[in-house]
PDB file of N, CA and C in Angstrom:
ATOM      1  N   MET A   1     138.380  -2.448 136.312  1.00  0.00           N
ATOM      2  CA  MET A   1     138.299  -3.791 135.770  1.00  0.00           C
ATOM      3  C   MET A   1     138.185  -3.698 134.254  1.00  0.00           C
ATOM      4  N   SER A   2     139.031  -4.441 133.582  1.00  0.00           N
ATOM      5  CA  SER A   2     139.042  -4.431 132.123  1.00  0.00           C
ATOM      6  C   SER A   2     137.854  -5.215 131.570  1.00  0.00           C
ATOM      7  N   SER A   3     137.352  -4.781 130.441  1.00  0.00           N
ATOM      8  CA  SER A   3     136.213  -5.461 129.825  1.00  0.00           C
ATOM      9  C   SER A   3     136.653  -6.505 128.797  1.00  0.00           C
ATOM     10  N   GLN A   4     137.987  -6.701 128.645  1.00  0.00           N
ATOM     11  CA  GLN A   4     138.469  -7.683 127.677  1.00  0.00           C
ATOM     12  C   GLN A   4     139.794  -8.263 128.140  1.00  0.00           C
ATOM     13  N   PHE A   5     140.152  -9.409 127.543  1.00  0.00           N
ATOM     14  CA  PHE A   5     141.452 -10.035 127.764  1.00  0.00           C
ATOM     15  C   PHE A   5     142.208  -9.946 126.453  1.00  0.00           C
ATOM     16  N   ASP A   6     143.450  -9.478 126.514  1.00  0.00           N
ATOM     17  CA  ASP A   6     144.290  -9.367 125.319  1.00  0.00           C
ATOM     18  C   ASP A   6     145.331 -10.476 125.303  1.00  0.00           C
ATOM     19  N   HIS A   7     145.835 -10.811 124.096  1.00  0.00           N
ATOM     20  CA  HIS A   7     146.938 -11.757 123.914  1.00  0.00           C
ATOM     21  C   HIS A   7     146.634 -13.107 124.555  1.00  0.00           C
ATOM     22  N   VAL A   8     145.536 -13.714 124.147  1.00  0.00           N
ATOM     23  CA  VAL A   8     145.119 -15.011 124.687  1.00  0.00           C
ATOM     24  C   VAL A   8     144.827 -15.983 123.554  1.00  0.00           C
ATOM     25  N   SER A   9     144.740 -17.254 123.918  1.00  0.00           N
ATOM     26  CA  SER A   9     144.252 -18.287 123.007  1.00  0.00           C
ATOM     27  C   SER A   9     142.921 -18.770 123.560  1.00  0.00           C
ATOM     28  N   VAL A  10     141.970 -19.025 122.675  1.00  0.00           N
ATOM     29  CA  VAL A  10     140.650 -19.489 123.079  1.00  0.00           C
ATOM     30  C   VAL A  10     140.435 -20.884 122.507  1.00  0.00           C
ATOM     31  N   ILE A  11     140.051 -21.811 123.375  1.00  0.00           N
ATOM     32  CA  ILE A  11     139.716 -23.159 122.927  1.00  0.00           C
ATOM     33  C   ILE A  11     138.365 -23.079 122.216  1.00  0.00           C
ATOM     34  N   LYS A  12     138.309 -23.541 120.973  1.00  0.00           N
ATOM     35  CA  LYS A  12     137.080 -23.387 120.183  1.00  0.00           C
ATOM     36  C   LYS A  12     135.929 -24.245 120.693  1.00  0.00           C
ATOM     37  N   LYS A  13     136.209 -25.429 121.200  1.00  0.00           N
ATOM     38  CA  LYS A  13     135.158 -26.327 121.677  1.00  0.00           C
ATOM     39  C   LYS A  13     134.601 -25.804 122.995  1.00  0.00           C
ATOM     40  N   SER A  14     133.293 -25.661 123.060  1.00  0.00           N
ATOM     41  CA  SER A  14     132.670 -25.153 124.276  1.00  0.00           C
ATOM     42  C   SER A  14     132.565 -26.238 125.342  1.00  0.00           C
ATOM     43  N   ASN A  15     132.471 -25.801 126.583  1.00  0.00           N
ATOM     44  CA  ASN A  15     132.204 -26.670 127.727  1.00  0.00           C
ATOM     45  C   ASN A  15     130.708 -26.536 128.001  1.00  0.00           C
ATOM     46  N   VAL A  16     129.966 -27.618 127.881  1.00  0.00           N
ATOM     47  CA  VAL A  16     128.517 -27.574 128.061  1.00  0.00           C
ATOM     48  C   VAL A  16     128.148 -28.442 129.262  1.00  0.00           C
ATOM     49  N   TYR A  17     127.453 -27.846 130.218  1.00  0.00           N
ATOM     50  CA  TYR A  17     127.055 -28.540 131.440  1.00  0.00           C
ATOM     51  C   TYR A  17     125.543 -28.467 131.611  1.00  0.00           C
ATOM     52  N   PHE A  18     124.999 -29.461 132.277  1.00  0.00           N
ATOM     53  CA  PHE A  18     123.579 -29.476 132.650  1.00  0.00           C
ATOM     54  C   PHE A  18     122.668 -29.253 131.434  1.00  0.00           C
ATOM     55  N   GLY A  19     122.948 -29.988 130.358  1.00  0.00           N
ATOM     56  CA  GLY A  19     122.096 -29.920 129.179  1.00  0.00           C
ATOM     57  C   GLY A  19     122.026 -28.549 128.533  1.00  0.00           C
ATOM     58  N   GLY A  20     123.086 -27.748 128.695  1.00  0.00           N
ATOM     59  CA  GLY A  20     123.136 -26.428 128.071  1.00  0.00           C
ATOM     60  C   GLY A  20     122.762 -25.288 129.004  1.00  0.00           C
ATOM     61  N   LEU A  21     122.498 -25.576 130.275  1.00  0.00           N
ATOM     62  CA  LEU A  21     122.187 -24.498 131.224  1.00  0.00           C
ATOM     63  C   LEU A  21     123.421 -23.685 131.590  1.00  0.00           C
ATOM     64  N   CYS A  22     124.593 -24.265 131.384  1.00  0.00           N
ATOM     65  CA  CYS A  22     125.855 -23.546 131.585  1.00  0.00           C
ATOM     66  C   CYS A  22     126.751 -23.859 130.403  1.00  0.00           C
ATOM     67  N   ILE A  23     127.221 -22.820 129.736  1.00  0.00           N
ATOM     68  CA  ILE A  23     128.121 -22.978 128.591  1.00  0.00           C
ATOM     69  C   ILE A  23     129.290 -22.013 128.770  1.00  0.00           C
ATOM     70  N   SER A  24     130.506 -22.534 128.604  1.00  0.00           N
ATOM     71  CA  SER A  24     131.682 -21.679 128.752  1.00  0.00           C
ATOM     72  C   SER A  24     132.732 -22.035 127.703  1.00  0.00           C
ATOM     73  N   HIS A  25     133.720 -21.160 127.582  1.00  0.00           N
ATOM     74  CA  HIS A  25     134.889 -21.395 126.746  1.00  0.00           C
ATOM     75  C   HIS A  25     136.136 -21.156 127.596  1.00  0.00           C
ATOM     76  N   THR A  26     137.154 -21.972 127.349  1.00  0.00           N
ATOM     77  CA  THR A  26     138.410 -21.850 128.076  1.00  0.00           C
ATOM     78  C   THR A  26     139.320 -20.864 127.357  1.00  0.00           C
ATOM     79  N   VAL A  27     139.913 -19.967 128.138  1.00  0.00           N
ATOM     80  CA  VAL A  27     140.849 -18.961 127.637  1.00  0.00           C
ATOM     81  C   VAL A  27     142.206 -19.247 128.272  1.00  0.00           C
ATOM     82  N   GLN A  28     143.245 -19.370 127.431  1.00  0.00           N
ATOM     83  CA  GLN A  28     144.591 -19.614 127.928  1.00  0.00           C
ATOM     84  C   GLN A  28     145.435 -18.362 127.733  1.00  0.00           C
ATOM     85  N   PHE A  29     146.174 -17.998 128.782  1.00  0.00           N
ATOM     86  CA  PHE A  29     147.009 -16.805 128.760  1.00  0.00           C
ATOM     87  C   PHE A  29     148.455 -17.183 128.454  1.00  0.00           C
ATOM     88  N   GLU A  30     149.239 -16.198 128.026  1.00  0.00           N
ATOM     89  CA  GLU A  30     150.633 -16.430 127.652  1.00  0.00           C
ATOM     90  C   GLU A  30     151.449 -17.025 128.786  1.00  0.00           C
ATOM     91  N   ASP A  31     151.080 -16.708 130.047  1.00  0.00           N
ATOM     92  CA  ASP A  31     151.825 -17.221 131.199  1.00  0.00           C
ATOM     93  C   ASP A  31     151.373 -18.622 131.621  1.00  0.00           C
ATOM     94  N   GLY A  32     150.448 -19.231 130.863  1.00  0.00           N
ATOM     95  CA  GLY A  32     149.992 -20.580 131.153  1.00  0.00           C
ATOM     96  C   GLY A  32     148.733 -20.660 132.004  1.00  0.00           C
ATOM     97  N   THR A  33     148.285 -19.540 132.557  1.00  0.00           N
ATOM     98  CA  THR A  33     147.071 -19.569 133.369  1.00  0.00           C
ATOM     99  C   THR A  33     145.844 -19.720 132.472  1.00  0.00           C
ATOM    100  N   LYS A  34     144.749 -20.186 133.086  1.00  0.00           N
ATOM    101  CA  LYS A  34     143.507 -20.408 132.348  1.00  0.00           C
ATOM    102  C   LYS A  34     142.341 -19.775 133.095  1.00  0.00           C
ATOM    103  N   LYS A  35     141.344 -19.388 132.315  1.00  0.00           N
ATOM    104  CA  LYS A  35     140.080 -18.898 132.832  1.00  0.00           C
ATOM    105  C   LYS A  35     138.993 -19.487 131.941  1.00  0.00           C
ATOM    106  N   THR A  36     137.785 -19.521 132.453  1.00  0.00           N
ATOM    107  CA  THR A  36     136.667 -19.843 131.581  1.00  0.00           C
ATOM    108  C   THR A  36     135.710 -18.666 131.597  1.00  0.00           C
ATOM    109  N   LEU A  37     135.135 -18.379 130.442  1.00  0.00           N
ATOM    110  CA  LEU A  37     134.137 -17.330 130.284  1.00  0.00           C
ATOM    111  C   LEU A  37     132.844 -18.017 129.924  1.00  0.00           C
ATOM    112  N   GLY A  38     131.770 -17.708 130.645  1.00  0.00           N
ATOM    113  CA  GLY A  38     130.548 -18.419 130.336  1.00  0.00           C
ATOM    114  C   GLY A  38     129.288 -17.729 130.795  1.00  0.00           C
ATOM    115  N   VAL A  39     128.191 -18.434 130.546  1.00  0.00           N
ATOM    116  CA  VAL A  39     126.871 -17.987 130.981  1.00  0.00           C
ATOM    117  C   VAL A  39     126.176 -19.159 131.665  1.00  0.00           C
ATOM    118  N   ILE A  40     125.367 -18.818 132.653  1.00  0.00           N
ATOM    119  CA  ILE A  40     124.490 -19.774 133.311  1.00  0.00           C
ATOM    120  C   ILE A  40     123.072 -19.270 133.115  1.00  0.00           C
ATOM    121  N   LEU A  41     122.211 -20.159 132.640  1.00  0.00           N
ATOM    122  CA  LEU A  41     120.813 -19.800 132.407  1.00  0.00           C
ATOM    123  C   LEU A  41     119.967 -20.159 133.622  1.00  0.00           C
ATOM    124  N   PRO A  42     118.841 -19.473 133.786  1.00  0.00           N
ATOM    125  CA  PRO A  42     117.945 -19.797 134.908  1.00  0.00           C
ATOM    126  C   PRO A  42     117.478 -21.253 134.811  1.00  0.00           C
ATOM    127  N   SER A  43     117.274 -21.871 135.987  1.00  0.00           N
ATOM    128  CA  SER A  43     116.785 -23.246 136.016  1.00  0.00           C
ATOM    129  C   SER A  43     115.916 -23.451 137.250  1.00  0.00           C
ATOM    130  N   GLU A  44     115.203 -24.546 137.255  1.00  0.00           N
ATOM    131  CA  GLU A  44     114.311 -24.873 138.372  1.00  0.00           C
ATOM    132  C   GLU A  44     115.089 -25.223 139.637  1.00  0.00           C
ATOM    133  N   GLN A  45     116.286 -25.808 139.473  1.00  0.00           N
ATOM    134  CA  GLN A  45     117.081 -26.257 140.606  1.00  0.00           C
ATOM    135  C   GLN A  45     118.472 -25.638 140.552  1.00  0.00           C
ATOM    136  N   ALA A  46     119.129 -25.600 141.716  1.00  0.00           N
ATOM    137  CA  ALA A  46     120.514 -25.144 141.774  1.00  0.00           C
ATOM    138  C   ALA A  46     121.398 -26.105 140.975  1.00  0.00           C
ATOM    139  N   LEU A  47     122.426 -25.575 140.337  1.00  0.00           N
ATOM    140  CA  LEU A  47     123.407 -26.378 139.612  1.00  0.00           C
ATOM    141  C   LEU A  47     124.603 -26.597 140.531  1.00  0.00           C
ATOM    142  N   THR A  48     125.063 -27.833 140.650  1.00  0.00           N
ATOM    143  CA  THR A  48     126.188 -28.155 141.523  1.00  0.00           C
ATOM    144  C   THR A  48     127.430 -28.414 140.680  1.00  0.00           C
ATOM    145  N   PHE A  49     128.487 -27.662 140.964  1.00  0.00           N
ATOM    146  CA  PHE A  49     129.765 -27.798 140.269  1.00  0.00           C
ATOM    147  C   PHE A  49     130.815 -28.333 141.244  1.00  0.00           C
ATOM    148  N   GLU A  50     131.634 -29.244 140.767  1.00  0.00           N
ATOM    149  CA  GLU A  50     132.763 -29.771 141.528  1.00  0.00           C
ATOM    150  C   GLU A  50     134.013 -28.988 141.117  1.00  0.00           C
ATOM    151  N   THR A  51     134.874 -28.678 142.084  1.00  0.00           N
ATOM    152  CA  THR A  51     136.129 -27.994 141.766  1.00  0.00           C
ATOM    153  C   THR A  51     137.299 -28.947 141.983  1.00  0.00           C
ATOM    154  N   HIS A  52     138.300 -28.831 141.142  1.00  0.00           N
ATOM    155  CA  HIS A  52     139.529 -29.603 141.314  1.00  0.00           C
ATOM    156  C   HIS A  52     140.638 -28.679 141.809  1.00  0.00           C
ATOM    157  N   VAL A  53     140.656 -27.470 141.291  1.00  0.00           N
ATOM    158  CA  VAL A  53     141.614 -26.453 141.731  1.00  0.00           C
ATOM    159  C   VAL A  53     140.808 -25.303 142.340  1.00  0.00           C
ATOM    160  N   PRO A  54     141.450 -24.449 143.144  1.00  0.00           N
ATOM    161  CA  PRO A  54     140.726 -23.281 143.656  1.00  0.00           C
ATOM    162  C   PRO A  54     140.203 -22.425 142.511  1.00  0.00           C
ATOM    163  N   GLU A  55     139.005 -21.898 142.688  1.00  0.00           N
ATOM    164  CA  GLU A  55     138.379 -21.070 141.663  1.00  0.00           C
ATOM    165  C   GLU A  55     137.839 -19.792 142.280  1.00  0.00           C
ATOM    166  N   ARG A  56     138.003 -18.709 141.535  1.00  0.00           N
ATOM    167  CA  ARG A  56     137.351 -17.444 141.907  1.00  0.00           C
ATOM    168  C   ARG A  56     136.374 -17.115 140.793  1.00  0.00           C
ATOM    169  N   MET A  57     135.114 -17.057 141.154  1.00  0.00           N
ATOM    170  CA  MET A  57     134.050 -16.779 140.183  1.00  0.00           C
ATOM    171  C   MET A  57     133.728 -15.290 140.229  1.00  0.00           C
ATOM    172  N   GLU A  58     133.977 -14.604 139.137  1.00  0.00           N
ATOM    173  CA  GLU A  58     133.716 -13.171 139.003  1.00  0.00           C
ATOM    174  C   GLU A  58     132.401 -13.005 138.238  1.00  0.00           C
ATOM    175  N   ILE A  59     131.455 -12.312 138.831  1.00  0.00           N
ATOM    176  CA  ILE A  59     130.157 -12.108 138.201  1.00  0.00           C
ATOM    177  C   ILE A  59     130.239 -10.863 137.317  1.00  0.00           C
ATOM    178  N   ILE A  60     129.982 -11.041 136.025  1.00  0.00           N
ATOM    179  CA  ILE A  60     130.066  -9.935 135.060  1.00  0.00           C
ATOM    180  C   ILE A  60     128.717  -9.241 134.927  1.00  0.00           C
ATOM    181  N   SER A  61     127.636 -10.016 134.820  1.00  0.00           N
ATOM    182  CA  SER A  61     126.290  -9.439 134.785  1.00  0.00           C
ATOM    183  C   SER A  61     125.317 -10.437 135.379  1.00  0.00           C
ATOM    184  N   GLY A  62     124.240  -9.902 135.949  1.00  0.00           N
ATOM    185  CA  GLY A  62     123.245 -10.735 136.604  1.00  0.00           C
ATOM    186  C   GLY A  62     123.535 -10.862 138.083  1.00  0.00           C
ATOM    187  N   GLU A  63     122.786 -11.752 138.737  1.00  0.00           N
ATOM    188  CA  GLU A  63     123.027 -12.044 140.143  1.00  0.00           C
ATOM    189  C   GLU A  63     122.710 -13.506 140.395  1.00  0.00           C
ATOM    190  N   CYS A  64     123.312 -14.039 141.472  1.00  0.00           N
ATOM    191  CA  CYS A  64     123.144 -15.461 141.757  1.00  0.00           C
ATOM    192  C   CYS A  64     123.190 -15.709 143.256  1.00  0.00           C
ATOM    193  N   ARG A  65     122.632 -16.859 143.619  1.00  0.00           N
ATOM    194  CA  ARG A  65     122.693 -17.339 144.996  1.00  0.00           C
ATOM    195  C   ARG A  65     123.654 -18.526 144.990  1.00  0.00           C
ATOM    196  N   VAL A  66     124.609 -18.501 145.926  1.00  0.00           N
ATOM    197  CA  VAL A  66     125.670 -19.506 145.933  1.00  0.00           C
ATOM    198  C   VAL A  66     125.766 -20.144 147.318  1.00  0.00           C
ATOM    199  N   THR A  67     125.888 -21.463 147.327  1.00  0.00           N
ATOM    200  CA  THR A  67     126.153 -22.220 148.544  1.00  0.00           C
ATOM    201  C   THR A  67     127.463 -22.964 148.321  1.00  0.00           C
ATOM    202  N   ILE A  68     128.443 -22.712 149.180  1.00  0.00           N
ATOM    203  CA  ILE A  68     129.765 -23.314 149.013  1.00  0.00           C
ATOM    204  C   ILE A  68     129.904 -24.510 149.945  1.00  0.00           C
ATOM    205  N   ALA A  69     130.344 -25.627 149.373  1.00  0.00           N
ATOM    206  CA  ALA A  69     130.596 -26.885 150.095  1.00  0.00           C
ATOM    207  C   ALA A  69     129.379 -27.293 150.915  1.00  0.00           C
ATOM    208  N   ASP A  70     129.568 -27.528 152.195  1.00  0.00           N
ATOM    209  CA  ASP A  70     128.486 -28.030 153.053  1.00  0.00           C
ATOM    210  C   ASP A  70     127.780 -26.927 153.836  1.00  0.00           C
ATOM    211  N   SER A  71     127.961 -25.694 153.432  1.00  0.00           N
ATOM    212  CA  SER A  71     127.315 -24.581 154.129  1.00  0.00           C
ATOM    213  C   SER A  71     125.795 -24.753 154.093  1.00  0.00           C
ATOM    214  N   GLU A  72     125.140 -24.317 155.142  1.00  0.00           N
ATOM    215  CA  GLU A  72     123.676 -24.386 155.205  1.00  0.00           C
ATOM    216  C   GLU A  72     123.029 -23.180 154.520  1.00  0.00           C
ATOM    217  N   ALA A  73     123.768 -22.073 154.438  1.00  0.00           N
ATOM    218  CA  ALA A  73     123.193 -20.828 153.923  1.00  0.00           C
ATOM    219  C   ALA A  73     123.777 -20.486 152.558  1.00  0.00           C
ATOM    220  N   HIS A  74     122.969 -19.791 151.758  1.00  0.00           N
ATOM    221  CA  HIS A  74     123.487 -19.298 150.486  1.00  0.00           C
ATOM    222  C   HIS A  74     123.754 -17.800 150.624  1.00  0.00           C
ATOM    223  N   GLU A  75     124.597 -17.320 149.715  1.00  0.00           N
ATOM    224  CA  GLU A  75     124.962 -15.912 149.696  1.00  0.00           C
ATOM    225  C   GLU A  75     124.613 -15.341 148.333  1.00  0.00           C
ATOM    226  N   LEU A  76     124.216 -14.080 148.299  1.00  0.00           N
ATOM    227  CA  LEU A  76     123.847 -13.413 147.048  1.00  0.00           C
ATOM    228  C   LEU A  76     125.057 -12.660 146.497  1.00  0.00           C
ATOM    229  N   PHE A  77     125.323 -12.852 145.202  1.00  0.00           N
ATOM    230  CA  PHE A  77     126.407 -12.140 144.523  1.00  0.00           C
ATOM    231  C   PHE A  77     125.844 -11.471 143.289  1.00  0.00           C
ATOM    232  N   ARG A  78     126.294 -10.241 143.044  1.00  0.00           N
ATOM    233  CA  ARG A  78     125.824  -9.436 141.909  1.00  0.00           C
ATOM    234  C   ARG A  78     127.003  -9.057 141.021  1.00  0.00           C
ATOM    235  N   ALA A  79     126.684  -8.474 139.863  1.00  0.00           N
ATOM    236  CA  ALA A  79     127.709  -8.004 138.929  1.00  0.00           C
ATOM    237  C   ALA A  79     128.737  -7.158 139.671  1.00  0.00           C
ATOM    238  N   GLY A  80     130.006  -7.410 139.388  1.00  0.00           N
ATOM    239  CA  GLY A  80     131.094  -6.685 140.025  1.00  0.00           C
ATOM    240  C   GLY A  80     131.627  -7.383 141.268  1.00  0.00           C
ATOM    241  N   GLN A  81     130.951  -8.426 141.729  1.00  0.00           N
ATOM    242  CA  GLN A  81     131.404  -9.161 142.903  1.00  0.00           C
ATOM    243  C   GLN A  81     131.979 -10.506 142.465  1.00  0.00           C
ATOM    244  N   SER A  82     132.657 -11.169 143.391  1.00  0.00           N
ATOM    245  CA  SER A  82     133.171 -12.502 143.104  1.00  0.00           C
ATOM    246  C   SER A  82     133.137 -13.338 144.374  1.00  0.00           C
ATOM    247  N   PHE A  83     133.232 -14.645 144.189  1.00  0.00           N
ATOM    248  CA  PHE A  83     133.314 -15.544 145.335  1.00  0.00           C
ATOM    249  C   PHE A  83     134.386 -16.583 145.058  1.00  0.00           C
ATOM    250  N   TYR A  84     134.900 -17.164 146.140  1.00  0.00           N
ATOM    251  CA  TYR A  84     136.017 -18.096 146.076  1.00  0.00           C
ATOM    252  C   TYR A  84     135.546 -19.482 146.507  1.00  0.00           C
ATOM    253  N   VAL A  85     136.003 -20.493 145.776  1.00  0.00           N
ATOM    254  CA  VAL A  85     135.701 -21.887 146.108  1.00  0.00           C
ATOM    255  C   VAL A  85     137.033 -22.633 146.200  1.00  0.00           C
ATOM    256  N   PRO A  86     137.297 -23.302 147.319  1.00  0.00           N
ATOM    257  CA  PRO A  86     138.555 -24.050 147.442  1.00  0.00           C
ATOM    258  C   PRO A  86     138.639 -25.179 146.428  1.00  0.00           C
ATOM    259  N   GLY A  87     139.851 -25.674 146.210  1.00  0.00           N
ATOM    260  CA  GLY A  87     140.034 -26.834 145.356  1.00  0.00           C
ATOM    261  C   GLY A  87     139.440 -28.072 146.005  1.00  0.00           C
ATOM    262  N   ASN A  88     139.120 -29.065 145.194  1.00  0.00           N
ATOM    263  CA  ASN A  88     138.528 -30.315 145.669  1.00  0.00           C
ATOM    264  C   ASN A  88     137.316 -30.068 146.558  1.00  0.00           C
ATOM    265  N   SER A  89     136.446 -29.199 146.097  1.00  0.00           N
ATOM    266  CA  SER A  89     135.243 -28.830 146.831  1.00  0.00           C
ATOM    267  C   SER A  89     134.087 -28.798 145.835  1.00  0.00           C
ATOM    268  N   ARG A  90     133.038 -28.087 146.194  1.00  0.00           N
ATOM    269  CA  ARG A  90     131.897 -27.935 145.289  1.00  0.00           C
ATOM    270  C   ARG A  90     131.122 -26.686 145.677  1.00  0.00           C
ATOM    271  N   PHE A  91     130.277 -26.251 144.761  1.00  0.00           N
ATOM    272  CA  PHE A  91     129.366 -25.154 145.064  1.00  0.00           C
ATOM    273  C   PHE A  91     128.089 -25.333 144.272  1.00  0.00           C
ATOM    274  N   LYS A  92     127.003 -24.808 144.832  1.00  0.00           N
ATOM    275  CA  LYS A  92     125.707 -24.791 144.157  1.00  0.00           C
ATOM    276  C   LYS A  92     125.422 -23.357 143.783  1.00  0.00           C
ATOM    277  N   ILE A  93     124.876 -23.161 142.582  1.00  0.00           N
ATOM    278  CA  ILE A  93     124.597 -21.806 142.115  1.00  0.00           C
ATOM    279  C   ILE A  93     123.209 -21.778 141.486  1.00  0.00           C
ATOM    280  N   GLU A  94     122.455 -20.723 141.778  1.00  0.00           N
ATOM    281  CA  GLU A  94     121.114 -20.517 141.233  1.00  0.00           C
ATOM    282  C   GLU A  94     121.023 -19.097 140.700  1.00  0.00           C
ATOM    283  N   THR A  95     120.301 -18.927 139.600  1.00  0.00           N
ATOM    284  CA  THR A  95     120.076 -17.596 139.052  1.00  0.00           C
ATOM    285  C   THR A  95     118.681 -17.533 138.444  1.00  0.00           C
ATOM    286  N   ASP A  96     118.093 -16.357 138.502  1.00  0.00           N
ATOM    287  CA  ASP A  96     116.775 -16.142 137.907  1.00  0.00           C
ATOM    288  C   ASP A  96     116.871 -15.446 136.560  1.00  0.00           C
ATOM    289  N   ASP A  97     118.068 -14.995 136.205  1.00  0.00           N
ATOM    290  CA  ASP A  97     118.327 -14.313 134.942  1.00  0.00           C
ATOM    291  C   ASP A  97     119.593 -14.903 134.333  1.00  0.00           C
ATOM    292  N   VAL A  98     119.917 -14.520 133.118  1.00  0.00           N
ATOM    293  CA  VAL A  98     121.173 -14.947 132.517  1.00  0.00           C
ATOM    294  C   VAL A  98     122.323 -14.365 133.332  1.00  0.00           C
ATOM    295  N   LEU A  99     123.262 -15.217 133.695  1.00  0.00           N
ATOM    296  CA  LEU A  99     124.409 -14.822 134.508  1.00  0.00           C
ATOM    297  C   LEU A  99     125.663 -14.961 133.659  1.00  0.00           C
ATOM    298  N   ASP A 100     126.400 -13.856 133.455  1.00  0.00           N
ATOM    299  CA  ASP A 100     127.691 -13.893 132.783  1.00  0.00           C
ATOM    300  C   ASP A 100     128.780 -13.947 133.843  1.00  0.00           C
ATOM    301  N   TYR A 101     129.779 -14.807 133.629  1.00  0.00           N
ATOM    302  CA  TYR A 101     130.833 -14.944 134.636  1.00  0.00           C
ATOM    303  C   TYR A 101     132.194 -15.200 133.988  1.00  0.00           C
ATOM    304  N   VAL A 102     133.237 -14.965 134.786  1.00  0.00           N
ATOM    305  CA  VAL A 102     134.586 -15.401 134.475  1.00  0.00           C
ATOM    306  C   VAL A 102     135.023 -16.263 135.641  1.00  0.00           C
ATOM    307  N   CYS A 103     135.459 -17.469 135.355  1.00  0.00           N
ATOM    308  CA  CYS A 103     135.982 -18.352 136.378  1.00  0.00           C
ATOM    309  C   CYS A 103     137.508 -18.314 136.289  1.00  0.00           C
ATOM    310  N   HIS A 104     138.133 -17.798 137.330  1.00  0.00           N
ATOM    311  CA  HIS A 104     139.603 -17.713 137.406  1.00  0.00           C
ATOM    312  C   HIS A 104     140.103 -18.998 138.051  1.00  0.00           C
ATOM    313  N   LEU A 105     140.752 -19.857 137.265  1.00  0.00           N
ATOM    314  CA  LEU A 105     141.281 -21.115 137.778  1.00  0.00           C
ATOM    315  C   LEU A 105     142.616 -20.800 138.439  1.00  0.00           C
ATOM    316  N   GLU A 106     142.678 -20.970 139.748  1.00  0.00           N
ATOM    317  CA  GLU A 106     143.827 -20.468 140.507  1.00  0.00           C
ATOM    318  C   GLU A 106     144.782 -21.561 140.977  1.00  0.00           C
ATOM    319  N   GLY A 107     144.695 -22.721 140.378  1.00  0.00           N
ATOM    320  CA  GLY A 107     145.581 -23.794 140.821  1.00  0.00           C
ATOM    321  C   GLY A 107     146.385 -24.362 139.693  1.00  0.00           C
TER     322      GLY A 107
END
């Protein structure tokens, strides 16, 4: 796994969610695909994200508990792992440490 993306454009304006608990930047590739690179900070409650297109969340550092859509159970993901969320869905994510991630927008 590469530690960097080459030949990309980065949108300068950050995406800020939940009062700054999640901050990311959008990266555009030459082929038109997009990813977001960001961090999620620890919080008292799970953060709920809505998806419009399918997303694959790649965990770069840290670990998190994730509940996808209406699932009753959460799953633990650590650095080097990823999880998939269908389009037009949602997921809840919790972390006790700073979580670095790449969100691969697949739609």
